[in-house]
């Protein structure tokens, strides 16, 4: 299973992990300085990850006036035959309880992620279209695209500098989509040289202006894996931010593959 800020694999240790897919990481050997940007981003994407994760997390939305809204979620994720599958379900507050989201990511980069959302008020599961993947996820600063597992082959990458973050030496890597129809014109990632882990990412809108900044706030070792457990996505254009923080996390527990279906979305975890 692959998970990093590059795509928020398992986001939700993202939101997911994205990234939360994007958003967890593991200990790894430091990459050789001679590696190219493509090789570095591929190494980040391919780091070993738990075969399954069960977790609880909170989502805190803060508006431009400092007002906060807190939501609590449950998440399961697992890998089957190279396909990473994830469900996130809102538990609190009452107005979003039962809303759930499912993502299937295909590790070879040959196809886009499949995504579904269940809305209790409508009592139906809706598939997220390609055009809708740039929309906000439940009013947060994460889009559906941010929760997807983006394969590095979908972008062209270049090392544009180096910088320390909290004393940790990082490559600064610019990634530009090979498809002009994407939600972002480019992203810029700060990748730890020691851990091959994304510590920060900037997202630029289609006009080339800085739109959002994703920052890793905390990591934690779980079952031998160093996982991203606290992230902040800040929309600099709207002065709005969303923090995702994981509480309990269980790795490598058995999760049946038939847990990841539209029926589960409607029934609940």
C-alpha atoms as a PDB file:
ATOM      1  CA  UNK A   1       0.000   0.000   0.000  1.00  0.00           C
ATOM      2  CA  UNK A   2       1.343   3.465  -0.870  1.00  0.00           C
ATOM      3  CA  UNK A   3       0.628   6.503   1.109  1.00  0.00           C
ATOM      4  CA  UNK A   4       2.149   9.993   1.061  1.00  0.00           C
ATOM      5  CA  UNK A   5       1.485  13.654   0.641  1.00  0.00           C
ATOM      6  CA  UNK A   6       2.110  13.016  -3.073  1.00  0.00           C
ATOM      7  CA  UNK A   7      -1.335  11.604  -3.290  1.00  0.00           C
ATOM      8  CA  UNK A   8      -2.695  11.334   0.211  1.00  0.00           C
ATOM      9  CA  UNK A   9      -2.505   7.654  -0.121  1.00  0.00           C
ATOM     10  CA  UNK A  10      -4.979   6.395   2.470  1.00  0.00           C
ATOM     11  CA  UNK A  11      -5.815   9.957   3.083  1.00  0.00           C
ATOM     12  CA  UNK A  12      -7.071  10.329   5.230  1.00  0.00           C
ATOM     13  CA  UNK A  13      -4.178   9.489   7.059  1.00  0.00           C
ATOM     14  CA  UNK A  14      -5.281  12.277   4.872  1.00  0.00           C
ATOM     15  CA  UNK A  15      -7.800  13.149   4.645  1.00  0.00           C
ATOM     16  CA  UNK A  16      -7.380  11.470   4.013  1.00  0.00           C
ATOM     17  CA  UNK A  17      -4.965  10.371   4.074  1.00  0.00           C
ATOM     18  CA  UNK A  18      -5.161  11.094   1.711  1.00  0.00           C
ATOM     19  CA  UNK A  19      -3.519  10.929   2.474  1.00  0.00           C
ATOM     20  CA  UNK A  20      -5.359  11.323   4.432  1.00  0.00           C
ATOM     21  CA  UNK A  21      -2.865   9.513   0.517  1.00  0.00           C
ATOM     22  CA  UNK A  22      -0.935  11.078   0.576  1.00  0.00           C
ATOM     23  CA  UNK A  23      -0.923  11.975   3.990  1.00  0.00           C
ATOM     24  CA  UNK A  24       0.968   9.022   6.069  1.00  0.00           C
ATOM     25  CA  UNK A  25       4.636   7.928   5.813  1.00  0.00           C
ATOM     26  CA  UNK A  26       7.019   5.220   6.989  1.00  0.00           C
ATOM     27  CA  UNK A  27      10.674   4.957   7.890  1.00  0.00           C
ATOM     28  CA  UNK A  28      12.823   4.390   4.828  1.00  0.00           C
ATOM     29  CA  UNK A  29      16.415   4.552   3.699  1.00  0.00           C
ATOM     30  CA  UNK A  30      17.430   8.036   2.566  1.00  0.00           C
ATOM     31  CA  UNK A  31      17.415   8.446  -1.203  1.00  0.00           C
ATOM     32  CA  UNK A  32      20.695   8.864  -3.022  1.00  0.00           C
ATOM     33  CA  UNK A  33      21.469  12.532  -3.842  1.00  0.00           C
ATOM     34  CA  UNK A  34      21.881  11.591  -7.518  1.00  0.00           C
ATOM     35  CA  UNK A  35      18.261  10.511  -7.874  1.00  0.00           C
ATOM     36  CA  UNK A  36      15.994  12.426 -10.218  1.00  0.00           C
ATOM     37  CA  UNK A  37      12.748  14.117  -9.187  1.00  0.00           C
ATOM     38  CA  UNK A  38      10.762  11.346 -10.885  1.00  0.00           C
ATOM     39  CA  UNK A  39      12.675   8.690  -8.952  1.00  0.00           C
ATOM     40  CA  UNK A  40      12.200  10.506  -5.647  1.00  0.00           C
ATOM     41  CA  UNK A  41       8.448  10.906  -6.110  1.00  0.00           C
ATOM     42  CA  UNK A  42       8.150   7.273  -7.181  1.00  0.00           C
ATOM     43  CA  UNK A  43      10.059   6.172  -4.065  1.00  0.00           C
ATOM     44  CA  UNK A  44       7.714   8.238  -1.881  1.00  0.00           C
ATOM     45  CA  UNK A  45       4.705   6.679  -3.597  1.00  0.00           C
ATOM     46  CA  UNK A  46       6.074   3.144  -3.263  1.00  0.00           C
ATOM     47  CA  UNK A  47       7.073   3.111   0.406  1.00  0.00           C
ATOM     48  CA  UNK A  48       5.790   0.081   2.357  1.00  0.00           C
ATOM     49  CA  UNK A  49       2.535   0.688   4.222  1.00  0.00           C
ATOM     50  CA  UNK A  50       0.220  -1.338   6.459  1.00  0.00           C
ATOM     51  CA  UNK A  51      -2.041  -3.719   4.566  1.00  0.00           C
ATOM     52  CA  UNK A  52      -5.006  -2.296   6.461  1.00  0.00           C
ATOM     53  CA  UNK A  53      -5.849   0.563   8.814  1.00  0.00           C
ATOM     54  CA  UNK A  54      -8.797   1.194  11.134  1.00  0.00           C
ATOM     55  CA  UNK A  55      -8.887   4.635  12.712  1.00  0.00           C
ATOM     56  CA  UNK A  56     -10.857   7.459  14.269  1.00  0.00           C
ATOM     57  CA  UNK A  57     -10.138  11.080  13.478  1.00  0.00           C
ATOM     58  CA  UNK A  58     -11.360  14.628  13.935  1.00  0.00           C
ATOM     59  CA  UNK A  59     -11.784  17.344  11.338  1.00  0.00           C
ATOM     60  CA  UNK A  60     -11.700  20.955  12.558  1.00  0.00           C
ATOM     61  CA  UNK A  61     -12.788  23.683  10.138  1.00  0.00           C
ATOM     62  CA  UNK A  62     -11.787  27.265  10.998  1.00  0.00           C
ATOM     63  CA  UNK A  63     -13.176  30.226   9.053  1.00  0.00           C
ATOM     64  CA  UNK A  64     -11.675  33.676   8.473  1.00  0.00           C
ATOM     65  CA  UNK A  65     -13.186  34.953  11.740  1.00  0.00           C
ATOM     66  CA  UNK A  66     -11.675  32.164  13.804  1.00  0.00           C
ATOM     67  CA  UNK A  67     -14.936  30.266  14.277  1.00  0.00           C
ATOM     68  CA  UNK A  68     -14.470  26.505  14.529  1.00  0.00           C
ATOM     69  CA  UNK A  69     -16.608  23.521  13.576  1.00  0.00           C
ATOM     70  CA  UNK A  70     -15.532  20.058  14.677  1.00  0.00           C
ATOM     71  CA  UNK A  71     -16.484  16.812  12.995  1.00  0.00           C
ATOM     72  CA  UNK A  72     -15.597  13.271  14.004  1.00  0.00           C
ATOM     73  CA  UNK A  73     -15.087  10.402  11.605  1.00  0.00           C
ATOM     74  CA  UNK A  74     -14.337   6.692  11.386  1.00  0.00           C
ATOM     75  CA  UNK A  75     -12.137   5.278   8.649  1.00  0.00           C
ATOM     76  CA  UNK A  76     -11.126   1.890   7.298  1.00  0.00           C
ATOM     77  CA  UNK A  77      -8.657   1.246   4.490  1.00  0.00           C
ATOM     78  CA  UNK A  78      -6.985  -1.805   2.987  1.00  0.00           C
ATOM     79  CA  UNK A  79      -5.266  -3.089  -0.154  1.00  0.00           C
ATOM     80  CA  UNK A  80      -6.559  -5.938  -2.311  1.00  0.00           C
ATOM     81  CA  UNK A  81      -4.746  -7.100  -5.472  1.00  0.00           C
ATOM     82  CA  UNK A  82      -3.003  -3.755  -5.850  1.00  0.00           C
ATOM     83  CA  UNK A  83      -6.147  -1.662  -5.324  1.00  0.00           C
ATOM     84  CA  UNK A  84      -6.202   0.630  -2.272  1.00  0.00           C
ATOM     85  CA  UNK A  85      -9.717   0.969  -0.862  1.00  0.00           C
ATOM     86  CA  UNK A  86     -10.892   3.421   1.786  1.00  0.00           C
ATOM     87  CA  UNK A  87     -14.142   4.412   3.496  1.00  0.00           C
ATOM     88  CA  UNK A  88     -14.570   7.495   5.676  1.00  0.00           C
ATOM     89  CA  UNK A  89     -17.802   7.889   7.646  1.00  0.00           C
ATOM     90  CA  UNK A  90     -18.918  10.952   9.614  1.00  0.00           C
ATOM     91  CA  UNK A  91     -20.048  10.143  13.168  1.00  0.00           C
ATOM     92  CA  UNK A  92     -20.611  13.669  14.558  1.00  0.00           C
ATOM     93  CA  UNK A  93     -22.271  16.170  14.587  1.00  0.00           C
ATOM     94  CA  UNK A  94     -25.840  15.128  13.851  1.00  0.00           C
ATOM     95  CA  UNK A  95     -26.176  17.153  10.644  1.00  0.00           C
ATOM     96  CA  UNK A  96     -23.475  15.095   8.899  1.00  0.00           C
ATOM     97  CA  UNK A  97     -23.823  11.790  10.770  1.00  0.00           C
ATOM     98  CA  UNK A  98     -23.953   8.820   8.418  1.00  0.00           C
ATOM     99  CA  UNK A  99     -22.465  10.651   5.450  1.00  0.00           C
ATOM    100  CA  UNK A 100     -19.740   8.420   4.045  1.00  0.00           C
ATOM    101  CA  UNK A 101     -17.136   8.499   1.289  1.00  0.00           C
ATOM    102  CA  UNK A 102     -15.368   5.655  -0.527  1.00  0.00           C
ATOM    103  CA  UNK A 103     -12.244   5.801  -2.695  1.00  0.00           C
ATOM    104  CA  UNK A 104     -10.627   3.073  -4.804  1.00  0.00           C
ATOM    105  CA  UNK A 105      -7.092   3.796  -6.023  1.00  0.00           C
ATOM    106  CA  UNK A 106      -5.295   1.834  -8.724  1.00  0.00           C
ATOM    107  CA  UNK A 107      -1.572   1.586  -8.080  1.00  0.00           C
ATOM    108  CA  UNK A 108      -0.345   1.338 -11.656  1.00  0.00           C
ATOM    109  CA  UNK A 109      -1.483   4.833 -12.646  1.00  0.00           C
ATOM    110  CA  UNK A 110      -3.444   3.498 -15.613  1.00  0.00           C
ATOM    111  CA  UNK A 111      -6.784   4.893 -14.467  1.00  0.00           C
ATOM    112  CA  UNK A 112      -8.275   7.563 -12.250  1.00  0.00           C
ATOM    113  CA  UNK A 113      -9.557   6.800  -8.778  1.00  0.00           C
ATOM    114  CA  UNK A 114     -13.185   5.725  -8.399  1.00  0.00           C
ATOM    115  CA  UNK A 115     -15.075   7.677  -5.734  1.00  0.00           C
ATOM    116  CA  UNK A 116     -18.542   7.501  -4.198  1.00  0.00           C
ATOM    117  CA  UNK A 117     -20.396   9.440  -1.498  1.00  0.00           C
ATOM    118  CA  UNK A 118     -23.498   8.438   0.477  1.00  0.00           C
ATOM    119  CA  UNK A 119     -25.837  11.244   1.557  1.00  0.00           C
ATOM    120  CA  UNK A 120     -28.319  10.118   4.261  1.00  0.00           C
ATOM    121  CA  UNK A 121     -30.800  12.894   3.457  1.00  0.00           C
ATOM    122  CA  UNK A 122     -31.138  11.548  -0.088  1.00  0.00           C
ATOM    123  CA  UNK A 123     -30.725   7.905   0.972  1.00  0.00           C
ATOM    124  CA  UNK A 124     -28.619   7.136  -2.046  1.00  0.00           C
ATOM    125  CA  UNK A 125     -25.019   6.615  -3.114  1.00  0.00           C
ATOM    126  CA  UNK A 126     -23.685   9.056  -5.689  1.00  0.00           C
ATOM    127  CA  UNK A 127     -20.618   8.465  -7.827  1.00  0.00           C
ATOM    128  CA  UNK A 128     -18.210  11.428  -7.943  1.00  0.00           C
ATOM    129  CA  UNK A 129     -17.729  12.462 -11.569  1.00  0.00           C
ATOM    130  CA  UNK A 130     -14.412  13.631 -12.989  1.00  0.00           C
ATOM    131  CA  UNK A 131     -15.773  17.182 -13.148  1.00  0.00           C
ATOM    132  CA  UNK A 132     -16.759  17.057  -9.468  1.00  0.00           C
ATOM    133  CA  UNK A 133     -13.453  15.860  -8.052  1.00  0.00           C
ATOM    134  CA  UNK A 134     -12.199  19.428  -7.642  1.00  0.00           C
ATOM    135  CA  UNK A 135     -15.157  20.302  -5.386  1.00  0.00           C
ATOM    136  CA  UNK A 136     -14.820  20.775  -1.637  1.00  0.00           C
ATOM    137  CA  UNK A 137     -15.183  17.628   0.449  1.00  0.00           C
ATOM    138  CA  UNK A 138     -17.990  18.287   2.939  1.00  0.00           C
ATOM    139  CA  UNK A 139     -17.200  21.998   3.222  1.00  0.00           C
ATOM    140  CA  UNK A 140     -13.557  21.386   4.127  1.00  0.00           C
ATOM    141  CA  UNK A 141     -10.428  22.739   2.446  1.00  0.00           C
ATOM    142  CA  UNK A 142      -9.735  19.285   1.010  1.00  0.00           C
ATOM    143  CA  UNK A 143     -11.186  18.510  -2.395  1.00  0.00           C
ATOM    144  CA  UNK A 144     -12.251  15.047  -3.515  1.00  0.00           C
ATOM    145  CA  UNK A 145      -9.141  15.117  -5.700  1.00  0.00           C
ATOM    146  CA  UNK A 146      -6.994  15.691  -2.600  1.00  0.00           C
ATOM    147  CA  UNK A 147      -8.345  12.458  -1.122  1.00  0.00           C
ATOM    148  CA  UNK A 148      -7.464  10.476  -4.222  1.00  0.00           C
ATOM    149  CA  UNK A 149      -4.267   8.501  -4.732  1.00  0.00           C
ATOM    150  CA  UNK A 150      -2.324  10.297  -7.426  1.00  0.00           C
ATOM    151  CA  UNK A 151       0.255   8.213  -9.255  1.00  0.00           C
ATOM    152  CA  UNK A 152       3.555  10.073  -9.903  1.00  0.00           C
ATOM    153  CA  UNK A 153       3.457   9.103 -13.577  1.00  0.00           C
ATOM    154  CA  UNK A 154       0.536  11.495 -14.047  1.00  0.00           C
ATOM    155  CA  UNK A 155       2.865  14.479 -13.477  1.00  0.00           C
ATOM    156  CA  UNK A 156       6.207  15.755 -14.690  1.00  0.00           C
ATOM    157  CA  UNK A 157       8.548  16.498 -11.773  1.00  0.00           C
ATOM    158  CA  UNK A 158      11.563  18.753 -11.291  1.00  0.00           C
ATOM    159  CA  UNK A 159      13.807  19.502  -8.305  1.00  0.00           C
ATOM    160  CA  UNK A 160      13.735  23.295  -7.918  1.00  0.00           C
ATOM    161  CA  UNK A 161      15.674  23.666  -4.668  1.00  0.00           C
ATOM    162  CA  UNK A 162      16.373  22.424  -1.160  1.00  0.00           C
ATOM    163  CA  UNK A 163      15.258  23.736   2.221  1.00  0.00           C
ATOM    164  CA  UNK A 164      15.156  22.694   5.873  1.00  0.00           C
ATOM    165  CA  UNK A 165      11.830  22.216   7.630  1.00  0.00           C
ATOM    166  CA  UNK A 166      12.189  21.976  11.409  1.00  0.00           C
ATOM    167  CA  UNK A 167      15.825  21.001  10.930  1.00  0.00           C
ATOM    168  CA  UNK A 168      15.031  18.309   8.360  1.00  0.00           C
ATOM    169  CA  UNK A 169      16.663  18.682   4.941  1.00  0.00           C
ATOM    170  CA  UNK A 170      14.142  18.527   2.095  1.00  0.00           C
ATOM    171  CA  UNK A 171      14.070  18.519  -1.671  1.00  0.00           C
ATOM    172  CA  UNK A 172      11.634  21.032  -3.143  1.00  0.00           C
ATOM    173  CA  UNK A 173       9.925  19.348  -6.085  1.00  0.00           C
ATOM    174  CA  UNK A 174       7.587  20.993  -8.572  1.00  0.00           C
ATOM    175  CA  UNK A 175       4.979  18.713 -10.152  1.00  0.00           C
ATOM    176  CA  UNK A 176       2.969  19.690 -13.233  1.00  0.00           C
ATOM    177  CA  UNK A 177       0.114  17.541 -14.488  1.00  0.00           C
ATOM    178  CA  UNK A 178       0.462  15.949 -17.898  1.00  0.00           C
ATOM    179  CA  UNK A 179      -3.304  16.520 -18.311  1.00  0.00           C
ATOM    180  CA  UNK A 180      -4.341  20.149 -18.820  1.00  0.00           C
ATOM    181  CA  UNK A 181      -7.793  19.451 -17.370  1.00  0.00           C
ATOM    182  CA  UNK A 182      -6.648  18.988 -13.766  1.00  0.00           C
ATOM    183  CA  UNK A 183      -7.829  21.042 -10.763  1.00  0.00           C
ATOM    184  CA  UNK A 184      -4.362  22.499 -10.105  1.00  0.00           C
ATOM    185  CA  UNK A 185      -1.854  24.039 -12.496  1.00  0.00           C
ATOM    186  CA  UNK A 186       0.980  22.637 -10.364  1.00  0.00           C
ATOM    187  CA  UNK A 187       1.977  21.547  -6.880  1.00  0.00           C
ATOM    188  CA  UNK A 188       5.242  22.094  -5.009  1.00  0.00           C
ATOM    189  CA  UNK A 189       6.253  19.491  -2.411  1.00  0.00           C
ATOM    190  CA  UNK A 190       8.886  19.493   0.330  1.00  0.00           C
ATOM    191  CA  UNK A 191      10.185  15.910   0.577  1.00  0.00           C
ATOM    192  CA  UNK A 192      12.325  14.797   3.522  1.00  0.00           C
ATOM    193  CA  UNK A 193      15.641  13.439   2.255  1.00  0.00           C
ATOM    194  CA  UNK A 194      16.041  11.239   5.326  1.00  0.00           C
ATOM    195  CA  UNK A 195      12.566   9.688   5.458  1.00  0.00           C
ATOM    196  CA  UNK A 196      11.283  10.117   1.884  1.00  0.00           C
ATOM    197  CA  UNK A 197       8.207  11.728   3.378  1.00  0.00           C
ATOM    198  CA  UNK A 198       6.240  14.778   2.288  1.00  0.00           C
ATOM    199  CA  UNK A 199       6.285  17.509   4.949  1.00  0.00           C
ATOM    200  CA  UNK A 200       4.567  20.303   3.045  1.00  0.00           C
ATOM    201  CA  UNK A 201       2.774  20.892  -0.245  1.00  0.00           C
ATOM    202  CA  UNK A 202       1.591  23.996  -2.063  1.00  0.00           C
ATOM    203  CA  UNK A 203      -1.305  23.841  -4.526  1.00  0.00           C
ATOM    204  CA  UNK A 204      -1.639  26.420  -7.315  1.00  0.00           C
ATOM    205  CA  UNK A 205      -4.925  27.211  -9.051  1.00  0.00           C
ATOM    206  CA  UNK A 206      -5.434  27.095 -12.807  1.00  0.00           C
ATOM    207  CA  UNK A 207      -4.310  30.725 -13.147  1.00  0.00           C
ATOM    208  CA  UNK A 208      -1.004  29.911 -11.417  1.00  0.00           C
ATOM    209  CA  UNK A 209      -1.800  31.601  -8.087  1.00  0.00           C
ATOM    210  CA  UNK A 210      -1.125  29.923  -4.741  1.00  0.00           C
ATOM    211  CA  UNK A 211      -4.407  28.416  -3.558  1.00  0.00           C
ATOM    212  CA  UNK A 212      -3.725  26.062  -0.647  1.00  0.00           C
ATOM    213  CA  UNK A 213      -0.909  24.877   1.605  1.00  0.00           C
ATOM    214  CA  UNK A 214      -0.862  21.435   3.215  1.00  0.00           C
ATOM    215  CA  UNK A 215       1.404  21.064   6.259  1.00  0.00           C
ATOM    216  CA  UNK A 216       2.273  17.965   8.283  1.00  0.00           C
ATOM    217  CA  UNK A 217       1.905  18.848  11.962  1.00  0.00           C
ATOM    218  CA  UNK A 218       2.559  15.510  13.652  1.00  0.00           C
ATOM    219  CA  UNK A 219       3.707  11.956  12.987  1.00  0.00           C
ATOM    220  CA  UNK A 220       3.385   8.863  15.138  1.00  0.00           C
ATOM    221  CA  UNK A 221       4.834   5.362  14.996  1.00  0.00           C
ATOM    222  CA  UNK A 222       2.139   2.698  14.710  1.00  0.00           C
ATOM    223  CA  UNK A 223       3.081  -0.989  14.453  1.00  0.00           C
ATOM    224  CA  UNK A 224       6.518  -0.028  13.161  1.00  0.00           C
ATOM    225  CA  UNK A 225       5.237   2.493  10.599  1.00  0.00           C
ATOM    226  CA  UNK A 226       5.772   6.226  10.925  1.00  0.00           C
ATOM    227  CA  UNK A 227       2.387   7.645  10.016  1.00  0.00           C
ATOM    228  CA  UNK A 228       1.187  11.177   9.449  1.00  0.00           C
ATOM    229  CA  UNK A 229      -1.427  11.763  12.145  1.00  0.00           C
ATOM    230  CA  UNK A 230      -2.055  15.520  12.058  1.00  0.00           C
ATOM    231  CA  UNK A 231      -2.256  17.741   8.975  1.00  0.00           C
ATOM    232  CA  UNK A 232      -3.515  21.212   8.164  1.00  0.00           C
ATOM    233  CA  UNK A 233      -4.860  22.339   4.797  1.00  0.00           C
ATOM    234  CA  UNK A 234      -5.006  26.140   4.572  1.00  0.00           C
ATOM    235  CA  UNK A 235      -6.799  27.958   1.772  1.00  0.00           C
ATOM    236  CA  UNK A 236      -4.792  31.176   1.477  1.00  0.00           C
ATOM    237  CA  UNK A 237      -7.294  32.775  -0.893  1.00  0.00           C
ATOM    238  CA  UNK A 238     -10.265  32.301   1.459  1.00  0.00           C
ATOM    239  CA  UNK A 239      -8.350  32.485   4.765  1.00  0.00           C
ATOM    240  CA  UNK A 240      -9.945  29.197   5.799  1.00  0.00           C
ATOM    241  CA  UNK A 241      -8.277  26.059   7.122  1.00  0.00           C
ATOM    242  CA  UNK A 242      -9.037  22.442   7.929  1.00  0.00           C
ATOM    243  CA  UNK A 243      -7.111  20.296  10.389  1.00  0.00           C
ATOM    244  CA  UNK A 244      -7.260  16.516  10.290  1.00  0.00           C
ATOM    245  CA  UNK A 245      -6.062  14.726  13.425  1.00  0.00           C
ATOM    246  CA  UNK A 246      -6.061  10.991  14.060  1.00  0.00           C
ATOM    247  CA  UNK A 247      -6.839   9.502  17.454  1.00  0.00           C
ATOM    248  CA  UNK A 248      -6.886   5.718  17.639  1.00  0.00           C
ATOM    249  CA  UNK A 249      -5.157   3.820  14.819  1.00  0.00           C
ATOM    250  CA  UNK A 250      -4.982   0.048  14.358  1.00  0.00           C
ATOM    251  CA  UNK A 251      -2.729  -1.351  11.634  1.00  0.00           C
ATOM    252  CA  UNK A 252      -2.800  -4.696   9.808  1.00  0.00           C
ATOM    253  CA  UNK A 253      -6.087  -5.947  11.249  1.00  0.00           C
ATOM    254  CA  UNK A 254      -8.211  -8.201   9.037  1.00  0.00           C
ATOM    255  CA  UNK A 255     -10.818  -6.244   7.041  1.00  0.00           C
ATOM    256  CA  UNK A 256     -12.965  -8.263   4.592  1.00  0.00           C
ATOM    257  CA  UNK A 257     -12.843  -6.971   1.028  1.00  0.00           C
ATOM    258  CA  UNK A 258     -16.641  -6.912   0.848  1.00  0.00           C
ATOM    259  CA  UNK A 259     -16.547  -4.118   3.447  1.00  0.00           C
ATOM    260  CA  UNK A 260     -15.726  -1.715   0.615  1.00  0.00           C
ATOM    261  CA  UNK A 261     -19.016  -1.590  -1.266  1.00  0.00           C
ATOM    262  CA  UNK A 262     -21.834   0.858  -1.938  1.00  0.00           C
ATOM    263  CA  UNK A 263     -23.939  -1.257   0.407  1.00  0.00           C
ATOM    264  CA  UNK A 264     -21.510  -0.575   3.262  1.00  0.00           C
ATOM    265  CA  UNK A 265     -21.655   3.146   2.507  1.00  0.00           C
ATOM    266  CA  UNK A 266     -25.430   3.135   2.925  1.00  0.00           C
ATOM    267  CA  UNK A 267     -25.470   0.748   5.903  1.00  0.00           C
ATOM    268  CA  UNK A 268     -22.590   2.342   7.800  1.00  0.00           C
ATOM    269  CA  UNK A 269     -19.382   0.976   9.308  1.00  0.00           C
END
